[in-house]
PDB file of all heavy atoms in Angstrom:
ATOM      1  N   TYR A   1     107.250  37.692  75.448  1.00  0.00           N
ATOM      2  CA  TYR A   1     107.788  39.047  75.448  1.00  0.00           C
ATOM      3  C   TYR A   1     106.706  40.016  75.919  1.00  0.00           C
ATOM      4  O   TYR A   1     105.672  40.155  75.258  1.00  0.00           O
ATOM      5  CB  TYR A   1     108.277  39.430  74.059  1.00  0.00           C
ATOM      6  CG  TYR A   1     109.434  38.586  73.584  1.00  0.00           C
ATOM      7  CD1 TYR A   1     109.299  37.719  72.507  1.00  0.00           C
ATOM      8  CD2 TYR A   1     110.667  38.654  74.232  1.00  0.00           C
ATOM      9  CE1 TYR A   1     110.367  36.934  72.081  1.00  0.00           C
ATOM     10  CE2 TYR A   1     111.743  37.875  73.804  1.00  0.00           C
ATOM     11  CZ  TYR A   1     111.581  37.020  72.731  1.00  0.00           C
ATOM     12  OH  TYR A   1     112.637  36.249  72.322  1.00  0.00           O
ATOM     13  N   PRO A   2     106.911  40.683  77.053  1.00  0.00           N
ATOM     14  CA  PRO A   2     105.846  41.496  77.653  1.00  0.00           C
ATOM     15  C   PRO A   2     105.443  42.715  76.825  1.00  0.00           C
ATOM     16  O   PRO A   2     104.333  43.222  76.978  1.00  0.00           O
ATOM     17  CB  PRO A   2     106.442  41.919  79.005  1.00  0.00           C
ATOM     18  CG  PRO A   2     107.923  41.834  78.818  1.00  0.00           C
ATOM     19  CD  PRO A   2     108.139  40.699  77.869  1.00  0.00           C
ATOM     20  N   PHE A   3     106.311  43.189  75.944  1.00  0.00           N
ATOM     21  CA  PHE A   3     105.999  44.401  75.180  1.00  0.00           C
ATOM     22  C   PHE A   3     105.170  44.106  73.933  1.00  0.00           C
ATOM     23  O   PHE A   3     104.670  45.024  73.287  1.00  0.00           O
ATOM     24  CB  PHE A   3     107.297  45.122  74.779  1.00  0.00           C
ATOM     25  CG  PHE A   3     108.290  44.236  74.070  1.00  0.00           C
ATOM     26  CD1 PHE A   3     108.208  44.020  72.701  1.00  0.00           C
ATOM     27  CD2 PHE A   3     109.291  43.608  74.780  1.00  0.00           C
ATOM     28  CE1 PHE A   3     109.116  43.211  72.052  1.00  0.00           C
ATOM     29  CE2 PHE A   3     110.214  42.781  74.131  1.00  0.00           C
ATOM     30  CZ  PHE A   3     110.128  42.579  72.769  1.00  0.00           C
ATOM     31  N   LEU A   4     105.017  42.833  73.584  1.00  0.00           N
ATOM     32  CA  LEU A   4     104.188  42.474  72.438  1.00  0.00           C
ATOM     33  C   LEU A   4     102.722  42.368  72.851  1.00  0.00           C
ATOM     34  O   LEU A   4     102.408  42.024  73.992  1.00  0.00           O
ATOM     35  CB  LEU A   4     104.632  41.135  71.850  1.00  0.00           C
ATOM     36  CG  LEU A   4     106.018  41.062  71.205  1.00  0.00           C
ATOM     37  CD1 LEU A   4     106.280  39.648  70.702  1.00  0.00           C
ATOM     38  CD2 LEU A   4     106.142  42.064  70.067  1.00  0.00           C
ATOM     39  N   THR A   5     101.821  42.647  71.931  1.00  0.00           N
ATOM     40  CA  THR A   5     100.396  42.438  72.186  1.00  0.00           C
ATOM     41  C   THR A   5     100.066  40.963  71.992  1.00  0.00           C
ATOM     42  O   THR A   5     100.893  40.187  71.489  1.00  0.00           O
ATOM     43  CB  THR A   5      99.537  43.269  71.227  1.00  0.00           C
ATOM     44  OG1 THR A   5      99.733  42.784  69.877  1.00  0.00           O
ATOM     45  CG2 THR A   5      99.896  44.756  71.298  1.00  0.00           C
ATOM     46  N   GLY A   6      98.858  40.571  72.351  1.00  0.00           N
ATOM     47  CA  GLY A   6      98.446  39.195  72.145  1.00  0.00           C
ATOM     48  C   GLY A   6      98.496  38.806  70.680  1.00  0.00           C
ATOM     49  O   GLY A   6      98.973  37.723  70.328  1.00  0.00           O
ATOM     50  N   GLU A   7      98.015  39.678  69.834  1.00  0.00           N
ATOM     51  CA  GLU A   7      98.015  39.407  68.399  1.00  0.00           C
ATOM     52  C   GLU A   7      99.445  39.295  67.866  1.00  0.00           C
ATOM     53  O   GLU A   7      99.759  38.380  67.092  1.00  0.00           O
ATOM     54  CB  GLU A   7      97.274  40.519  67.656  1.00  0.00           C
ATOM     55  CG  GLU A   7      97.137  40.287  66.159  1.00  0.00           C
ATOM     56  CD  GLU A   7      96.334  41.383  65.491  1.00  0.00           C
ATOM     57  OE1 GLU A   7      96.612  42.568  65.758  1.00  0.00           O
ATOM     58  OE2 GLU A   7      95.421  41.050  64.713  1.00  0.00           O
ATOM     59  N   GLU A   8     100.312  40.201  68.301  1.00  0.00           N
ATOM     60  CA  GLU A   8     101.706  40.172  67.847  1.00  0.00           C
ATOM     61  C   GLU A   8     102.418  38.920  68.327  1.00  0.00           C
ATOM     62  O   GLU A   8     103.277  38.362  67.624  1.00  0.00           O
ATOM     63  CB  GLU A   8     102.432  41.421  68.351  1.00  0.00           C
ATOM     64  CG  GLU A   8     101.989  42.710  67.664  1.00  0.00           C
ATOM     65  CD  GLU A   8     102.530  43.945  68.354  1.00  0.00           C
ATOM     66  OE1 GLU A   8     102.936  43.857  69.537  1.00  0.00           O
ATOM     67  OE2 GLU A   8     102.545  45.006  67.711  1.00  0.00           O
ATOM     68  N   THR A   9     102.055  38.456  69.517  1.00  0.00           N
ATOM     69  CA  THR A   9     102.682  37.251  70.071  1.00  0.00           C
ATOM     70  C   THR A   9     102.370  36.029  69.212  1.00  0.00           C
ATOM     71  O   THR A   9     103.266  35.263  68.851  1.00  0.00           O
ATOM     72  CB  THR A   9     102.207  37.016  71.517  1.00  0.00           C
ATOM     73  OG1 THR A   9     102.627  38.107  72.332  1.00  0.00           O
ATOM     74  CG2 THR A   9     102.776  35.719  72.075  1.00  0.00           C
ATOM     75  N   VAL A  10     101.097  35.846  68.892  1.00  0.00           N
ATOM     76  CA  VAL A  10     100.716  34.695  68.065  1.00  0.00           C
ATOM     77  C   VAL A  10     101.331  34.826  66.676  1.00  0.00           C
ATOM     78  O   VAL A  10     101.804  33.838  66.089  1.00  0.00           O
ATOM     79  CB  VAL A  10      99.179  34.575  67.976  1.00  0.00           C
ATOM     80  CG1 VAL A  10      98.791  33.349  67.142  1.00  0.00           C
ATOM     81  CG2 VAL A  10      98.561  34.460  69.367  1.00  0.00           C
ATOM     82  N   TRP A  11     101.344  36.050  66.136  1.00  0.00           N
ATOM     83  CA  TRP A  11     101.943  36.305  64.830  1.00  0.00           C
ATOM     84  C   TRP A  11     103.434  35.930  64.853  1.00  0.00           C
ATOM     85  O   TRP A  11     103.937  35.298  63.921  1.00  0.00           O
ATOM     86  CB  TRP A  11     101.770  37.778  64.468  1.00  0.00           C
ATOM     87  CG  TRP A  11     102.136  38.116  63.050  1.00  0.00           C
ATOM     88  CD1 TRP A  11     103.380  38.256  62.526  1.00  0.00           C
ATOM     89  CD2 TRP A  11     101.221  38.340  61.966  1.00  0.00           C
ATOM     90  NE1 TRP A  11     103.318  38.570  61.197  1.00  0.00           N
ATOM     91  CE2 TRP A  11     102.012  38.635  60.820  1.00  0.00           C
ATOM     92  CE3 TRP A  11      99.829  38.348  61.867  1.00  0.00           C
ATOM     93  CZ2 TRP A  11     101.435  38.924  59.579  1.00  0.00           C
ATOM     94  CZ3 TRP A  11      99.277  38.636  60.626  1.00  0.00           C
ATOM     95  CH2 TRP A  11     100.054  38.918  59.509  1.00  0.00           C
ATOM     96  N   PHE A  12     104.131  36.313  65.940  1.00  0.00           N
ATOM     97  CA  PHE A  12     105.561  36.024  66.082  1.00  0.00           C
ATOM     98  C   PHE A  12     105.828  34.527  66.050  1.00  0.00           C
ATOM     99  O   PHE A  12     106.707  34.039  65.313  1.00  0.00           O
ATOM    100  CB  PHE A  12     106.081  36.631  67.388  1.00  0.00           C
ATOM    101  CG  PHE A  12     107.455  36.185  67.779  1.00  0.00           C
ATOM    102  CD1 PHE A  12     108.584  36.674  67.125  1.00  0.00           C
ATOM    103  CD2 PHE A  12     107.631  35.263  68.805  1.00  0.00           C
ATOM    104  CE1 PHE A  12     109.863  36.250  67.489  1.00  0.00           C
ATOM    105  CE2 PHE A  12     108.910  34.849  69.167  1.00  0.00           C
ATOM    106  CZ  PHE A  12     110.027  35.339  68.506  1.00  0.00           C
ATOM    107  N   TYR A  13     105.058  33.759  66.832  1.00  0.00           N
ATOM    108  CA  TYR A  13     105.276  32.319  66.873  1.00  0.00           C
ATOM    109  C   TYR A  13     104.883  31.655  65.558  1.00  0.00           C
ATOM    110  O   TYR A  13     105.466  30.642  65.160  1.00  0.00           O
ATOM    111  CB  TYR A  13     104.513  31.696  68.044  1.00  0.00           C
ATOM    112  CG  TYR A  13     105.215  31.912  69.360  1.00  0.00           C
ATOM    113  CD1 TYR A  13     104.822  32.938  70.225  1.00  0.00           C
ATOM    114  CD2 TYR A  13     106.294  31.121  69.727  1.00  0.00           C
ATOM    115  CE1 TYR A  13     105.481  33.147  71.429  1.00  0.00           C
ATOM    116  CE2 TYR A  13     106.957  31.329  70.936  1.00  0.00           C
ATOM    117  CZ  TYR A  13     106.548  32.349  71.773  1.00  0.00           C
ATOM    118  OH  TYR A  13     107.217  32.557  72.949  1.00  0.00           O
ATOM    119  N   GLY A  14     103.919  32.238  64.875  1.00  0.00           N
ATOM    120  CA  GLY A  14     103.562  31.723  63.558  1.00  0.00           C
ATOM    121  C   GLY A  14     104.678  31.912  62.553  1.00  0.00           C
ATOM    122  O   GLY A  14     104.974  31.019  61.742  1.00  0.00           O
ATOM    123  N   LYS A  15     105.344  33.068  62.622  1.00  0.00           N
ATOM    124  CA  LYS A  15     106.444  33.355  61.706  1.00  0.00           C
ATOM    125  C   LYS A  15     107.609  32.398  61.926  1.00  0.00           C
ATOM    126  O   LYS A  15     108.176  31.862  60.962  1.00  0.00           O
ATOM    127  CB  LYS A  15     106.927  34.800  61.890  1.00  0.00           C
ATOM    128  CG  LYS A  15     105.979  35.850  61.347  1.00  0.00           C
ATOM    129  CD  LYS A  15     105.944  35.854  59.827  1.00  0.00           C
ATOM    130  CE  LYS A  15     107.207  36.456  59.236  1.00  0.00           C
ATOM    131  NZ  LYS A  15     107.125  36.539  57.753  1.00  0.00           N
ATOM    132  N   ILE A  16     107.970  32.152  63.196  1.00  0.00           N
ATOM    133  CA  ILE A  16     109.102  31.257  63.440  1.00  0.00           C
ATOM    134  C   ILE A  16     108.728  29.792  63.196  1.00  0.00           C
ATOM    135  O   ILE A  16     109.606  28.935  63.147  1.00  0.00           O
ATOM    136  CB  ILE A  16     109.690  31.431  64.864  1.00  0.00           C
ATOM    137  CG1 ILE A  16     108.662  31.056  65.937  1.00  0.00           C
ATOM    138  CG2 ILE A  16     110.195  32.842  65.067  1.00  0.00           C
ATOM    139  CD1 ILE A  16     109.233  31.135  67.354  1.00  0.00           C
ATOM    140  N   SER A  17     107.420  29.529  63.033  1.00  0.00           N
ATOM    141  CA  SER A  17     106.968  28.179  62.678  1.00  0.00           C
ATOM    142  C   SER A  17     106.868  28.004  61.163  1.00  0.00           C
ATOM    143  O   SER A  17     106.492  26.927  60.692  1.00  0.00           O
ATOM    144  CB  SER A  17     105.612  27.875  63.317  1.00  0.00           C
ATOM    145  OG  SER A  17     105.703  27.863  64.730  1.00  0.00           O
ATOM    146  N   GLY A  18     107.169  29.075  60.427  1.00  0.00           N
ATOM    147  CA  GLY A  18     107.219  28.963  58.970  1.00  0.00           C
ATOM    148  C   GLY A  18     105.976  29.394  58.227  1.00  0.00           C
ATOM    149  O   GLY A  18     105.874  29.190  57.012  1.00  0.00           O
ATOM    150  N   LEU A  19     105.010  29.999  58.911  1.00  0.00           N
ATOM    151  CA  LEU A  19     103.792  30.441  58.241  1.00  0.00           C
ATOM    152  C   LEU A  19     104.051  31.769  57.516  1.00  0.00           C
ATOM    153  O   LEU A  19     104.733  32.644  58.041  1.00  0.00           O
ATOM    154  CB  LEU A  19     102.641  30.617  59.238  1.00  0.00           C
ATOM    155  CG  LEU A  19     101.848  29.350  59.613  1.00  0.00           C
ATOM    156  CD1 LEU A  19     102.728  28.350  60.338  1.00  0.00           C
ATOM    157  CD2 LEU A  19     100.647  29.710  60.485  1.00  0.00           C
ATOM    158  N   ASN A  20     103.470  31.924  56.328  1.00  0.00           N
ATOM    159  CA  ASN A  20     103.640  33.165  55.583  1.00  0.00           C
ATOM    160  C   ASN A  20     102.562  34.175  55.977  1.00  0.00           C
ATOM    161  O   ASN A  20     101.646  33.877  56.759  1.00  0.00           O
ATOM    162  CB  ASN A  20     103.629  32.912  54.077  1.00  0.00           C
ATOM    163  CG  ASN A  20     102.321  32.270  53.600  1.00  0.00           C
ATOM    164  OD1 ASN A  20     101.245  32.589  54.094  1.00  0.00           O
ATOM    165  ND2 ASN A  20     102.432  31.373  52.628  1.00  0.00           N
ATOM    166  N   LYS A  21     102.671  35.376  55.422  1.00  0.00           N
ATOM    167  CA  LYS A  21     101.785  36.469  55.806  1.00  0.00           C
ATOM    168  C   LYS A  21     100.318  36.151  55.527  1.00  0.00           C
ATOM    169  O   LYS A  21      99.445  36.398  56.366  1.00  0.00           O
ATOM    170  CB  LYS A  21     102.193  37.750  55.071  1.00  0.00           C
ATOM    171  CG  LYS A  21     101.373  38.969  55.453  1.00  0.00           C
ATOM    172  CD  LYS A  21     101.874  40.207  54.741  1.00  0.00           C
ATOM    173  CE  LYS A  21     101.041  41.431  55.115  1.00  0.00           C
ATOM    174  NZ  LYS A  21     101.523  42.655  54.404  1.00  0.00           N
ATOM    175  N   ALA A  22     100.050  35.593  54.358  1.00  0.00           N
ATOM    176  CA  ALA A  22      98.665  35.279  53.992  1.00  0.00           C
ATOM    177  C   ALA A  22      98.061  34.266  54.961  1.00  0.00           C
ATOM    178  O   ALA A  22      96.888  34.393  55.353  1.00  0.00           O
ATOM    179  CB  ALA A  22      98.620  34.743  52.562  1.00  0.00           C
ATOM    180  N   MET A  23      98.830  33.273  55.342  1.00  0.00           N
ATOM    181  CA  MET A  23      98.347  32.259  56.275  1.00  0.00           C
ATOM    182  C   MET A  23      98.091  32.865  57.644  1.00  0.00           C
ATOM    183  O   MET A  23      97.091  32.546  58.296  1.00  0.00           O
ATOM    184  CB  MET A  23      99.356  31.113  56.371  1.00  0.00           C
ATOM    185  CG  MET A  23      99.575  30.356  55.079  1.00  0.00           C
ATOM    186  SD  MET A  23     100.998  29.237  55.139  1.00  0.00           S
ATOM    187  CE  MET A  23     100.415  28.015  56.292  1.00  0.00           C
ATOM    188  N   LEU A  24      98.986  33.732  58.092  1.00  0.00           N
ATOM    189  CA  LEU A  24      98.855  34.337  59.413  1.00  0.00           C
ATOM    190  C   LEU A  24      97.679  35.303  59.493  1.00  0.00           C
ATOM    191  O   LEU A  24      97.029  35.416  60.537  1.00  0.00           O
ATOM    192  CB  LEU A  24     100.149  35.053  59.795  1.00  0.00           C
ATOM    193  CG  LEU A  24     101.319  34.141  60.157  1.00  0.00           C
ATOM    194  CD1 LEU A  24     102.618  34.919  60.241  1.00  0.00           C
ATOM    195  CD2 LEU A  24     101.048  33.428  61.475  1.00  0.00           C
ATOM    196  N   GLN A  25      97.399  36.006  58.416  1.00  0.00           N
ATOM    197  CA  GLN A  25      96.274  36.943  58.407  1.00  0.00           C
ATOM    198  C   GLN A  25      94.950  36.218  58.644  1.00  0.00           C
ATOM    199  O   GLN A  25      94.012  36.796  59.205  1.00  0.00           O
ATOM    200  CB  GLN A  25      96.231  37.702  57.083  1.00  0.00           C
ATOM    201  CG  GLN A  25      97.310  38.774  56.969  1.00  0.00           C
ATOM    202  CD  GLN A  25      97.315  39.453  55.615  1.00  0.00           C
ATOM    203  OE1 GLN A  25      96.920  38.867  54.595  1.00  0.00           O
ATOM    204  NE2 GLN A  25      97.753  40.699  55.584  1.00  0.00           N
ATOM    205  N   LYS A  26      94.896  34.964  58.268  1.00  0.00           N
ATOM    206  CA  LYS A  26      93.697  34.158  58.503  1.00  0.00           C
ATOM    207  C   LYS A  26      93.782  33.407  59.826  1.00  0.00           C
ATOM    208  O   LYS A  26      92.805  33.333  60.580  1.00  0.00           O
ATOM    209  CB  LYS A  26      93.512  33.158  57.356  1.00  0.00           C
ATOM    210  CG  LYS A  26      92.321  32.234  57.547  1.00  0.00           C
ATOM    211  CD  LYS A  26      92.220  31.231  56.403  1.00  0.00           C
ATOM    212  CE  LYS A  26      91.039  30.285  56.615  1.00  0.00           C
ATOM    213  NZ  LYS A  26      90.936  29.274  55.526  1.00  0.00           N
ATOM    214  N   ARG A  27      94.956  32.872  60.112  1.00  0.00           N
ATOM    215  CA  ARG A  27      95.122  31.986  61.245  1.00  0.00           C
ATOM    216  C   ARG A  27      95.084  32.706  62.588  1.00  0.00           C
ATOM    217  O   ARG A  27      94.475  32.212  63.555  1.00  0.00           O
ATOM    218  CB  ARG A  27      96.470  31.245  61.102  1.00  0.00           C
ATOM    219  CG  ARG A  27      96.731  30.181  62.147  1.00  0.00           C
ATOM    220  CD  ARG A  27      95.859  28.984  61.952  1.00  0.00           C
ATOM    221  NE  ARG A  27      96.210  27.917  62.884  1.00  0.00           N
ATOM    222  CZ  ARG A  27      95.345  27.029  63.353  1.00  0.00           C
ATOM    223  NH1 ARG A  27      94.077  27.085  62.976  1.00  0.00           N
ATOM    224  NH2 ARG A  27      95.736  26.088  64.171  1.00  0.00           N
ATOM    225  N   VAL A  28      95.732  33.871  62.704  1.00  0.00           N
ATOM    226  CA  VAL A  28      95.836  34.560  63.989  1.00  0.00           C
ATOM    227  C   VAL A  28      94.468  34.975  64.537  1.00  0.00           C
ATOM    228  O   VAL A  28      94.151  34.672  65.703  1.00  0.00           O
ATOM    229  CB  VAL A  28      96.801  35.757  63.887  1.00  0.00           C
ATOM    230  CG1 VAL A  28      96.773  36.573  65.177  1.00  0.00           C
ATOM    231  CG2 VAL A  28      98.222  35.271  63.612  1.00  0.00           C
TER     232      VAL A  28
END
């Protein structure tokens, strides 16, 4: 999605892969 930033893109795919907020804050 061109309107998302790089960070938002990885965060988005992490969410649809089932990662929670705490995991994403470290993983991204």
